[in-house]
Amino acid sequence: MIFNNSVLGKGIFLKFVFLFSLLLGVGGCNYIGNPSVDGVLLASDVSSSSRNYIQQSGVVDLNRERLVAYFDATLSLDDSESYILTDKNLVIYCDGTGPWEETFDCLGIDPHHETTVIPLNTITNVYKSDVYYDDTGCEAFVCFYVETYYATYFFSIGLWMNGDLFVDALLAEL
């Protein structure tokens, strides 16, 4: 047993349980009823708050582009780091406030920095890979590359986050 039966042991244990419950209750509020917990979402499943965030970001005009798929890559589900697929563009969205390193963007992937908009009409190839961009394995992720006339972009989405759904939606738009 971690704690002995003394009054001190019970008090510490109860404080731990209380603090854990409080943190879970407050921190977990973002997750209650938030469809982004499921990972990749098709347009019909994207919440209105996420749609508003996308529109207000200025990167995607949802009045001129049709939202196809969306993936919020943040643990806090605050929409600040995401993949956005529309009928015209593939967007790697980063709100610009993260502490990422020079060679990586906010999602920790290479070779792009900050927000990147990739017009669908410049994409020449999309393929899945079991190799991460740094030649390590993609065991826990759906890894895929998007080749354009100008650059090759690497994407990764956790296996439990329906990454295949995003790749399939992208391929259907091309």
N, C-alpha and C. Protein backbone atom coordinates (compact mmCIF):
# COMPACT_ATOMS: atom_id res chain seq x y z
N MET A 1 0.84 -1.17 0.00
CA MET A 1 0.00 0.00 0.00
C MET A 1 0.88 1.24 0.00
N ILE A 2 0.52 2.22 -0.79
CA ILE A 2 1.34 3.41 -0.93
C ILE A 2 1.33 4.23 0.37
N PHE A 3 0.18 4.40 0.95
CA PHE A 3 0.06 5.19 2.17
C PHE A 3 -0.26 4.27 3.33
N ASN A 4 0.35 4.56 4.47
CA ASN A 4 0.01 3.75 5.62
C ASN A 4 -1.31 4.23 6.21
N ASN A 5 -1.77 3.59 7.21
CA ASN A 5 -3.07 3.91 7.79
C ASN A 5 -3.04 5.06 8.78
N SER A 6 -1.94 5.75 8.89
CA SER A 6 -1.88 6.86 9.83
C SER A 6 -2.74 8.02 9.35
N VAL A 7 -3.01 8.92 10.23
CA VAL A 7 -3.81 10.11 9.90
C VAL A 7 -3.10 10.93 8.83
N LEU A 8 -1.78 11.07 8.94
CA LEU A 8 -1.00 11.82 7.97
C LEU A 8 -1.12 11.18 6.58
N GLY A 9 -1.00 9.86 6.53
CA GLY A 9 -1.10 9.15 5.25
C GLY A 9 -2.48 9.32 4.62
N LYS A 10 -3.54 9.23 5.42
CA LYS A 10 -4.90 9.40 4.89
C LYS A 10 -5.11 10.83 4.42
N GLY A 11 -4.57 11.79 5.15
CA GLY A 11 -4.72 13.20 4.78
C GLY A 11 -4.04 13.51 3.45
N ILE A 12 -2.84 13.00 3.26
CA ILE A 12 -2.12 13.23 2.01
C ILE A 12 -2.86 12.55 0.86
N PHE A 13 -3.31 11.34 1.09
CA PHE A 13 -4.02 10.60 0.06
C PHE A 13 -5.31 11.34 -0.33
N LEU A 14 -6.07 11.82 0.64
CA LEU A 14 -7.31 12.53 0.36
C LEU A 14 -7.03 13.84 -0.39
N LYS A 15 -5.96 14.54 -0.01
CA LYS A 15 -5.60 15.77 -0.72
C LYS A 15 -5.23 15.45 -2.17
N PHE A 16 -4.50 14.37 -2.37
CA PHE A 16 -4.13 13.97 -3.72
C PHE A 16 -5.37 13.65 -4.55
N VAL A 17 -6.29 12.89 -3.99
CA VAL A 17 -7.52 12.53 -4.70
C VAL A 17 -8.32 13.79 -5.01
N PHE A 18 -8.42 14.71 -4.04
CA PHE A 18 -9.16 15.94 -4.25
C PHE A 18 -8.54 16.78 -5.37
N LEU A 19 -7.22 16.98 -5.32
CA LEU A 19 -6.54 17.79 -6.34
C LEU A 19 -6.64 17.14 -7.72
N PHE A 20 -6.47 15.83 -7.77
CA PHE A 20 -6.59 15.12 -9.04
C PHE A 20 -8.00 15.29 -9.61
N SER A 21 -9.01 15.15 -8.76
CA SER A 21 -10.39 15.29 -9.21
C SER A 21 -10.67 16.72 -9.68
N LEU A 22 -10.13 17.69 -8.95
CA LEU A 22 -10.31 19.08 -9.32
C LEU A 22 -9.66 19.36 -10.68
N LEU A 23 -8.43 18.92 -10.87
CA LEU A 23 -7.74 19.13 -12.14
C LEU A 23 -8.46 18.43 -13.28
N LEU A 24 -8.91 17.22 -13.05
CA LEU A 24 -9.63 16.49 -14.08
C LEU A 24 -10.94 17.18 -14.41
N GLY A 25 -11.63 17.65 -13.39
CA GLY A 25 -12.90 18.33 -13.60
C GLY A 25 -12.76 19.63 -14.35
N VAL A 26 -11.79 20.45 -13.98
CA VAL A 26 -11.59 21.73 -14.64
C VAL A 26 -10.94 21.54 -16.01
N GLY A 27 -9.87 20.78 -16.05
CA GLY A 27 -9.16 20.56 -17.31
C GLY A 27 -9.96 19.74 -18.30
N GLY A 28 -10.78 18.87 -17.82
CA GLY A 28 -11.56 17.99 -18.69
C GLY A 28 -12.75 18.66 -19.32
N CYS A 29 -13.10 19.88 -18.88
CA CYS A 29 -14.26 20.56 -19.44
C CYS A 29 -14.12 20.79 -20.94
N ASN A 30 -12.92 21.00 -21.41
CA ASN A 30 -12.68 21.18 -22.84
C ASN A 30 -13.07 19.94 -23.62
N TYR A 31 -13.00 18.80 -23.02
CA TYR A 31 -13.22 17.54 -23.73
C TYR A 31 -14.66 17.09 -23.72
N ILE A 32 -15.43 17.56 -22.77
CA ILE A 32 -16.82 17.12 -22.66
C ILE A 32 -17.60 17.64 -23.86
N GLY A 33 -18.13 16.76 -24.63
CA GLY A 33 -18.95 17.14 -25.77
C GLY A 33 -18.17 17.72 -26.94
N ASN A 34 -16.86 17.71 -26.89
CA ASN A 34 -16.07 18.27 -27.98
C ASN A 34 -15.78 17.16 -28.99
N PRO A 35 -16.31 17.29 -30.21
CA PRO A 35 -16.10 16.22 -31.20
C PRO A 35 -14.64 16.05 -31.62
N SER A 36 -13.80 17.07 -31.40
CA SER A 36 -12.40 16.98 -31.81
C SER A 36 -11.65 15.90 -31.06
N VAL A 37 -12.20 15.41 -29.96
CA VAL A 37 -11.59 14.32 -29.21
C VAL A 37 -11.45 13.09 -30.10
N ASP A 38 -12.34 12.98 -31.08
CA ASP A 38 -12.32 11.83 -31.98
C ASP A 38 -11.24 11.92 -33.04
N GLY A 39 -10.53 13.03 -33.10
CA GLY A 39 -9.46 13.19 -34.08
C GLY A 39 -9.94 13.87 -35.32
N VAL A 40 -9.70 13.25 -36.47
CA VAL A 40 -10.09 13.83 -37.75
C VAL A 40 -11.60 13.88 -37.85
N LEU A 41 -12.10 15.02 -38.27
CA LEU A 41 -13.54 15.21 -38.43
C LEU A 41 -13.84 15.60 -39.87
N LEU A 42 -14.92 15.07 -40.40
CA LEU A 42 -15.42 15.55 -41.68
C LEU A 42 -16.24 16.80 -41.43
N ALA A 43 -16.48 17.58 -42.45
CA ALA A 43 -17.08 18.91 -42.30
C ALA A 43 -18.35 18.90 -41.44
N SER A 44 -19.21 17.94 -41.64
CA SER A 44 -20.49 17.92 -40.91
C SER A 44 -20.32 17.73 -39.41
N ASP A 45 -19.15 17.24 -38.97
CA ASP A 45 -18.92 16.99 -37.56
C ASP A 45 -18.11 18.09 -36.86
N VAL A 46 -17.63 19.08 -37.61
CA VAL A 46 -16.81 20.14 -37.03
C VAL A 46 -17.71 21.09 -36.25
N SER A 47 -17.33 21.37 -35.01
CA SER A 47 -18.14 22.23 -34.14
C SER A 47 -18.19 23.66 -34.67
N SER A 48 -19.23 24.38 -34.28
CA SER A 48 -19.36 25.77 -34.71
C SER A 48 -18.23 26.62 -34.13
N SER A 49 -17.75 26.30 -32.94
CA SER A 49 -16.65 27.09 -32.37
C SER A 49 -15.37 26.88 -33.18
N SER A 50 -15.12 25.66 -33.66
CA SER A 50 -13.96 25.41 -34.51
C SER A 50 -14.12 26.12 -35.86
N ARG A 51 -15.33 26.08 -36.42
CA ARG A 51 -15.58 26.78 -37.68
C ARG A 51 -15.34 28.28 -37.52
N ASN A 52 -15.81 28.84 -36.41
CA ASN A 52 -15.59 30.27 -36.15
C ASN A 52 -14.10 30.58 -36.03
N TYR A 53 -13.37 29.71 -35.33
CA TYR A 53 -11.93 29.91 -35.17
C TYR A 53 -11.23 29.87 -36.53
N ILE A 54 -11.61 28.91 -37.37
CA ILE A 54 -11.02 28.80 -38.70
C ILE A 54 -11.30 30.07 -39.50
N GLN A 55 -12.53 30.52 -39.48
CA GLN A 55 -12.92 31.72 -40.23
C GLN A 55 -12.17 32.95 -39.71
N GLN A 56 -12.09 33.09 -38.39
CA GLN A 56 -11.45 34.27 -37.79
C GLN A 56 -9.93 34.25 -37.95
N SER A 57 -9.35 33.06 -38.21
CA SER A 57 -7.90 32.99 -38.40
C SER A 57 -7.47 33.76 -39.64
N GLY A 58 -8.38 33.92 -40.59
CA GLY A 58 -8.06 34.64 -41.81
C GLY A 58 -7.36 33.79 -42.85
N VAL A 59 -7.04 32.57 -42.52
CA VAL A 59 -6.34 31.69 -43.46
C VAL A 59 -7.32 31.04 -44.43
N VAL A 60 -8.48 30.71 -43.93
CA VAL A 60 -9.51 30.06 -44.73
C VAL A 60 -10.78 30.90 -44.66
N ASP A 61 -11.34 31.23 -45.82
CA ASP A 61 -12.62 31.94 -45.88
C ASP A 61 -13.70 30.90 -46.17
N LEU A 62 -14.41 30.51 -45.15
CA LEU A 62 -15.42 29.46 -45.31
C LEU A 62 -16.63 29.92 -46.11
N ASN A 63 -16.67 31.21 -46.47
CA ASN A 63 -17.71 31.69 -47.37
C ASN A 63 -17.33 31.41 -48.83
N ARG A 64 -16.04 31.19 -49.08
CA ARG A 64 -15.56 30.94 -50.44
C ARG A 64 -14.99 29.54 -50.64
N GLU A 65 -14.71 28.87 -49.54
CA GLU A 65 -14.17 27.52 -49.61
C GLU A 65 -15.06 26.60 -48.79
N ARG A 66 -15.22 25.38 -49.27
CA ARG A 66 -16.02 24.38 -48.55
C ARG A 66 -15.09 23.56 -47.66
N LEU A 67 -15.39 23.54 -46.38
CA LEU A 67 -14.62 22.72 -45.44
C LEU A 67 -14.88 21.25 -45.73
N VAL A 68 -13.81 20.47 -45.82
CA VAL A 68 -13.93 19.04 -46.13
C VAL A 68 -13.58 18.20 -44.91
N ALA A 69 -12.40 18.47 -44.30
CA ALA A 69 -11.95 17.70 -43.14
C ALA A 69 -11.12 18.60 -42.23
N TYR A 70 -11.06 18.21 -40.96
CA TYR A 70 -10.38 19.04 -39.97
C TYR A 70 -9.75 18.14 -38.90
N PHE A 71 -8.55 18.52 -38.47
CA PHE A 71 -7.88 17.81 -37.40
C PHE A 71 -7.22 18.81 -36.46
N ASP A 72 -7.68 18.86 -35.22
CA ASP A 72 -7.09 19.70 -34.18
C ASP A 72 -5.99 18.89 -33.53
N ALA A 73 -4.75 19.33 -33.69
CA ALA A 73 -3.60 18.56 -33.21
C ALA A 73 -3.19 18.91 -31.78
N THR A 74 -3.91 19.80 -31.12
CA THR A 74 -3.53 20.20 -29.77
C THR A 74 -4.12 19.27 -28.73
N LEU A 75 -3.42 19.11 -27.61
CA LEU A 75 -3.96 18.34 -26.49
C LEU A 75 -5.10 19.09 -25.83
N SER A 76 -5.04 20.41 -25.84
CA SER A 76 -6.06 21.22 -25.20
C SER A 76 -7.28 21.44 -26.09
N LEU A 77 -7.22 20.99 -27.33
CA LEU A 77 -8.31 21.14 -28.30
C LEU A 77 -8.73 22.60 -28.44
N ASP A 78 -7.72 23.49 -28.56
CA ASP A 78 -8.03 24.91 -28.69
C ASP A 78 -7.93 25.41 -30.13
N ASP A 79 -7.78 24.52 -31.09
CA ASP A 79 -7.77 24.82 -32.53
C ASP A 79 -6.52 25.57 -32.99
N SER A 80 -5.55 25.82 -32.13
CA SER A 80 -4.41 26.66 -32.50
C SER A 80 -3.37 25.96 -33.37
N GLU A 81 -3.44 24.65 -33.47
CA GLU A 81 -2.56 23.88 -34.33
C GLU A 81 -3.41 22.81 -35.01
N SER A 82 -3.54 22.90 -36.33
CA SER A 82 -4.48 21.99 -36.98
C SER A 82 -4.16 21.80 -38.45
N TYR A 83 -4.76 20.76 -39.01
CA TYR A 83 -4.77 20.53 -40.44
C TYR A 83 -6.19 20.85 -40.89
N ILE A 84 -6.31 21.65 -41.92
CA ILE A 84 -7.61 22.04 -42.45
C ILE A 84 -7.62 21.70 -43.93
N LEU A 85 -8.59 20.92 -44.35
CA LEU A 85 -8.74 20.58 -45.75
C LEU A 85 -10.02 21.21 -46.28
N THR A 86 -9.88 22.01 -47.33
CA THR A 86 -11.05 22.57 -48.00
C THR A 86 -11.08 22.05 -49.43
N ASP A 87 -12.06 22.48 -50.17
CA ASP A 87 -12.13 22.06 -51.57
C ASP A 87 -11.09 22.76 -52.44
N LYS A 88 -10.35 23.73 -51.86
CA LYS A 88 -9.33 24.45 -52.63
C LYS A 88 -7.93 24.34 -52.06
N ASN A 89 -7.81 24.13 -50.75
CA ASN A 89 -6.50 24.17 -50.09
C ASN A 89 -6.36 23.12 -49.00
N LEU A 90 -5.11 22.77 -48.77
CA LEU A 90 -4.73 21.99 -47.60
C LEU A 90 -3.92 22.95 -46.73
N VAL A 91 -4.36 23.17 -45.51
CA VAL A 91 -3.74 24.17 -44.64
C VAL A 91 -3.14 23.50 -43.42
N ILE A 92 -1.89 23.83 -43.15
CA ILE A 92 -1.25 23.45 -41.89
C ILE A 92 -1.30 24.72 -41.06
N TYR A 93 -2.21 24.77 -40.10
CA TYR A 93 -2.44 26.01 -39.36
C TYR A 93 -1.69 26.02 -38.04
N CYS A 94 -0.94 27.08 -37.80
CA CYS A 94 -0.25 27.32 -36.55
C CYS A 94 -0.53 28.76 -36.16
N ASP A 95 -1.02 28.99 -34.96
CA ASP A 95 -1.41 30.35 -34.60
C ASP A 95 -0.24 31.29 -34.36
N GLY A 96 0.98 30.79 -34.36
CA GLY A 96 2.14 31.64 -34.25
C GLY A 96 2.61 31.95 -32.85
N THR A 97 2.01 31.32 -31.85
CA THR A 97 2.39 31.63 -30.47
C THR A 97 3.16 30.51 -29.80
N GLY A 98 3.44 29.44 -30.53
CA GLY A 98 4.09 28.28 -29.90
C GLY A 98 5.60 28.43 -29.77
N PRO A 99 6.19 27.64 -28.87
CA PRO A 99 7.63 27.70 -28.65
C PRO A 99 8.42 26.70 -29.49
N TRP A 100 7.98 26.43 -30.72
CA TRP A 100 8.65 25.42 -31.52
C TRP A 100 10.01 25.90 -32.00
N GLU A 101 10.81 24.95 -32.40
CA GLU A 101 12.19 25.24 -32.83
C GLU A 101 12.22 25.71 -34.27
N GLU A 102 13.33 26.30 -34.66
CA GLU A 102 13.46 26.90 -35.99
C GLU A 102 13.17 25.95 -37.14
N THR A 103 13.60 24.72 -37.04
CA THR A 103 13.46 23.82 -38.19
C THR A 103 12.14 23.07 -38.21
N PHE A 104 11.32 23.24 -37.21
CA PHE A 104 10.03 22.54 -37.16
C PHE A 104 8.91 23.54 -37.02
N ASP A 105 7.73 23.18 -37.49
CA ASP A 105 6.58 24.05 -37.28
C ASP A 105 5.92 23.69 -35.95
N CYS A 106 4.79 24.28 -35.69
CA CYS A 106 4.13 24.07 -34.41
C CYS A 106 3.68 22.63 -34.20
N LEU A 107 3.53 21.87 -35.28
CA LEU A 107 3.10 20.48 -35.15
C LEU A 107 4.29 19.53 -35.05
N GLY A 108 5.51 20.10 -35.06
CA GLY A 108 6.70 19.27 -34.93
C GLY A 108 7.03 18.48 -36.17
N ILE A 109 6.58 18.96 -37.31
CA ILE A 109 6.84 18.25 -38.55
C ILE A 109 7.64 19.12 -39.50
N ASP A 110 8.22 18.50 -40.48
CA ASP A 110 9.14 19.16 -41.40
C ASP A 110 8.55 19.10 -42.80
N PRO A 111 8.79 19.98 -43.69
CA PRO A 111 9.75 21.08 -43.71
C PRO A 111 9.12 22.45 -43.55
N HIS A 112 7.88 22.56 -43.18
CA HIS A 112 7.21 23.86 -43.18
C HIS A 112 7.25 24.56 -41.82
N HIS A 113 7.08 25.86 -41.87
CA HIS A 113 7.11 26.69 -40.67
C HIS A 113 5.79 27.44 -40.56
N GLU A 114 5.34 27.65 -39.35
CA GLU A 114 4.13 28.40 -39.09
C GLU A 114 3.00 27.92 -39.99
N THR A 115 2.11 28.80 -40.40
CA THR A 115 0.97 28.40 -41.21
C THR A 115 1.40 28.25 -42.67
N THR A 116 0.99 27.13 -43.27
CA THR A 116 1.30 26.86 -44.67
C THR A 116 0.01 26.53 -45.39
N VAL A 117 -0.21 27.22 -46.51
CA VAL A 117 -1.38 26.95 -47.35
C VAL A 117 -0.89 26.29 -48.63
N ILE A 118 -1.41 25.09 -48.89
CA ILE A 118 -1.02 24.32 -50.08
C ILE A 118 -2.24 24.24 -50.99
N PRO A 119 -2.24 24.97 -52.09
CA PRO A 119 -3.36 24.86 -53.03
C PRO A 119 -3.47 23.43 -53.57
N LEU A 120 -4.67 22.91 -53.60
CA LEU A 120 -4.85 21.53 -54.06
C LEU A 120 -4.40 21.37 -55.51
N ASN A 121 -4.52 22.42 -56.32
CA ASN A 121 -4.14 22.29 -57.73
C ASN A 121 -2.62 22.26 -57.94
N THR A 122 -1.84 22.37 -56.85
CA THR A 122 -0.38 22.22 -56.97
C THR A 122 0.10 20.86 -56.48
N ILE A 123 -0.80 20.05 -55.93
CA ILE A 123 -0.42 18.74 -55.39
C ILE A 123 -0.27 17.74 -56.54
N THR A 124 0.89 17.08 -56.57
CA THR A 124 1.17 16.11 -57.63
C THR A 124 1.07 14.66 -57.15
N ASN A 125 1.21 14.46 -55.82
CA ASN A 125 1.18 13.10 -55.29
C ASN A 125 0.90 13.12 -53.80
N VAL A 126 0.17 12.13 -53.32
CA VAL A 126 -0.07 11.92 -51.90
C VAL A 126 0.16 10.44 -51.65
N TYR A 127 1.02 10.14 -50.68
CA TYR A 127 1.25 8.73 -50.38
C TYR A 127 1.54 8.53 -48.91
N LYS A 128 1.06 7.38 -48.42
CA LYS A 128 1.33 6.99 -47.03
C LYS A 128 2.72 6.39 -46.94
N SER A 129 3.27 6.45 -45.75
CA SER A 129 4.60 5.90 -45.54
C SER A 129 4.69 5.33 -44.13
N ASP A 130 5.51 4.33 -43.94
CA ASP A 130 5.75 3.82 -42.59
C ASP A 130 7.06 4.36 -42.04
N VAL A 131 7.59 5.39 -42.74
CA VAL A 131 8.83 6.03 -42.32
C VAL A 131 8.57 7.52 -42.06
N TYR A 132 8.96 7.97 -40.89
CA TYR A 132 8.88 9.37 -40.51
C TYR A 132 9.88 10.16 -41.34
N TYR A 133 9.73 11.47 -41.46
CA TYR A 133 10.61 12.28 -42.30
C TYR A 133 12.08 12.17 -41.91
N ASP A 134 12.36 11.78 -40.65
CA ASP A 134 13.76 11.65 -40.22
C ASP A 134 14.24 10.19 -40.27
N ASP A 135 13.55 9.36 -41.05
CA ASP A 135 13.89 7.95 -41.28
C ASP A 135 13.63 7.03 -40.09
N THR A 136 12.90 7.50 -39.09
CA THR A 136 12.48 6.62 -38.00
C THR A 136 11.11 6.04 -38.36
N GLY A 137 10.67 5.06 -37.62
CA GLY A 137 9.41 4.39 -37.93
C GLY A 137 8.19 5.18 -37.51
N CYS A 138 7.10 4.97 -38.21
CA CYS A 138 5.81 5.63 -37.93
C CYS A 138 4.84 4.63 -37.28
N GLU A 139 5.29 3.89 -36.31
CA GLU A 139 4.47 2.82 -35.74
C GLU A 139 3.16 3.31 -35.15
N ALA A 140 3.16 4.42 -34.47
CA ALA A 140 1.95 4.88 -33.77
C ALA A 140 1.21 5.97 -34.54
N PHE A 141 1.56 6.18 -35.80
CA PHE A 141 0.98 7.27 -36.56
C PHE A 141 0.59 6.84 -37.96
N VAL A 142 -0.35 7.56 -38.53
CA VAL A 142 -0.60 7.50 -39.96
C VAL A 142 0.28 8.60 -40.53
N CYS A 143 1.32 8.23 -41.22
CA CYS A 143 2.25 9.19 -41.80
C CYS A 143 2.00 9.24 -43.30
N PHE A 144 2.00 10.46 -43.82
CA PHE A 144 1.82 10.61 -45.26
C PHE A 144 2.55 11.84 -45.75
N TYR A 145 2.89 11.77 -47.02
CA TYR A 145 3.60 12.86 -47.68
C TYR A 145 2.70 13.47 -48.74
N VAL A 146 2.82 14.77 -48.89
CA VAL A 146 2.11 15.50 -49.94
C VAL A 146 3.18 16.17 -50.78
N GLU A 147 3.27 15.76 -52.04
CA GLU A 147 4.23 16.36 -52.97
C GLU A 147 3.51 17.40 -53.81
N THR A 148 4.16 18.55 -53.96
CA THR A 148 3.64 19.60 -54.82
C THR A 148 4.70 19.90 -55.89
N TYR A 149 4.38 20.83 -56.76
CA TYR A 149 5.36 21.26 -57.76
C TYR A 149 6.59 21.89 -57.09
N TYR A 150 6.42 22.38 -55.86
CA TYR A 150 7.45 23.18 -55.22
C TYR A 150 8.14 22.52 -54.03
N ALA A 151 7.45 21.64 -53.34
CA ALA A 151 8.01 21.07 -52.11
C ALA A 151 7.30 19.77 -51.78
N THR A 152 7.87 19.04 -50.83
CA THR A 152 7.23 17.85 -50.28
C THR A 152 6.97 18.11 -48.81
N TYR A 153 5.75 17.82 -48.38
CA TYR A 153 5.34 18.07 -47.00
C TYR A 153 5.05 16.74 -46.31
N PHE A 154 5.45 16.67 -45.07
CA PHE A 154 5.23 15.47 -44.25
C PHE A 154 4.13 15.75 -43.25
N PHE A 155 3.21 14.78 -43.07
CA PHE A 155 2.12 14.89 -42.11
C PHE A 155 2.08 13.63 -41.26
N SER A 156 1.68 13.79 -40.01
CA SER A 156 1.46 12.61 -39.17
C SER A 156 0.26 12.87 -38.26
N ILE A 157 -0.56 11.84 -38.15
CA ILE A 157 -1.74 11.88 -37.28
C ILE A 157 -1.76 10.56 -36.53
N GLY A 158 -1.97 10.61 -35.24
CA GLY A 158 -1.99 9.40 -34.42
C GLY A 158 -2.97 8.37 -34.95
N LEU A 159 -2.59 7.10 -34.85
CA LEU A 159 -3.46 6.02 -35.33
C LEU A 159 -4.86 6.08 -34.72
N TRP A 160 -4.94 6.45 -33.47
CA TRP A 160 -6.21 6.51 -32.75
C TRP A 160 -7.02 7.75 -33.13
N MET A 161 -6.48 8.60 -34.02
CA MET A 161 -7.13 9.86 -34.39
C MET A 161 -7.72 9.85 -35.80
N ASN A 162 -7.91 8.68 -36.38
CA ASN A 162 -8.55 8.53 -37.69
C ASN A 162 -7.78 9.22 -38.82
N GLY A 163 -6.47 9.10 -38.80
CA GLY A 163 -5.64 9.72 -39.83
C GLY A 163 -5.99 9.26 -41.23
N ASP A 164 -6.39 8.00 -41.37
CA ASP A 164 -6.77 7.48 -42.69
C ASP A 164 -7.94 8.26 -43.28
N LEU A 165 -8.84 8.72 -42.42
CA LEU A 165 -9.99 9.49 -42.87
C LEU A 165 -9.53 10.79 -43.54
N PHE A 166 -8.51 11.43 -42.96
CA PHE A 166 -7.99 12.67 -43.54
C PHE A 166 -7.34 12.39 -44.90
N VAL A 167 -6.51 11.36 -44.97
CA VAL A 167 -5.85 11.01 -46.23
C VAL A 167 -6.90 10.69 -47.31
N ASP A 168 -7.90 9.89 -46.95
CA ASP A 168 -8.94 9.54 -47.91
C ASP A 168 -9.71 10.76 -48.39
N ALA A 169 -10.00 11.70 -47.49
CA ALA A 169 -10.72 12.92 -47.87
C ALA A 169 -9.85 13.76 -48.80
N LEU A 170 -8.55 13.84 -48.51
CA LEU A 170 -7.64 14.59 -49.37
C LEU A 170 -7.59 13.98 -50.77
N LEU A 171 -7.43 12.68 -50.83
CA LEU A 171 -7.37 12.00 -52.13
C LEU A 171 -8.67 12.18 -52.92
N ALA A 172 -9.79 12.20 -52.23
CA ALA A 172 -11.08 12.39 -52.91
C ALA A 172 -11.22 13.79 -53.50
N GLU A 173 -10.55 14.77 -52.91
CA GLU A 173 -10.62 16.14 -53.40
C GLU A 173 -9.71 16.40 -54.59
N LEU A 174 -8.73 15.54 -54.79
CA LEU A 174 -7.77 15.77 -55.87
C LEU A 174 -8.29 15.32 -57.22
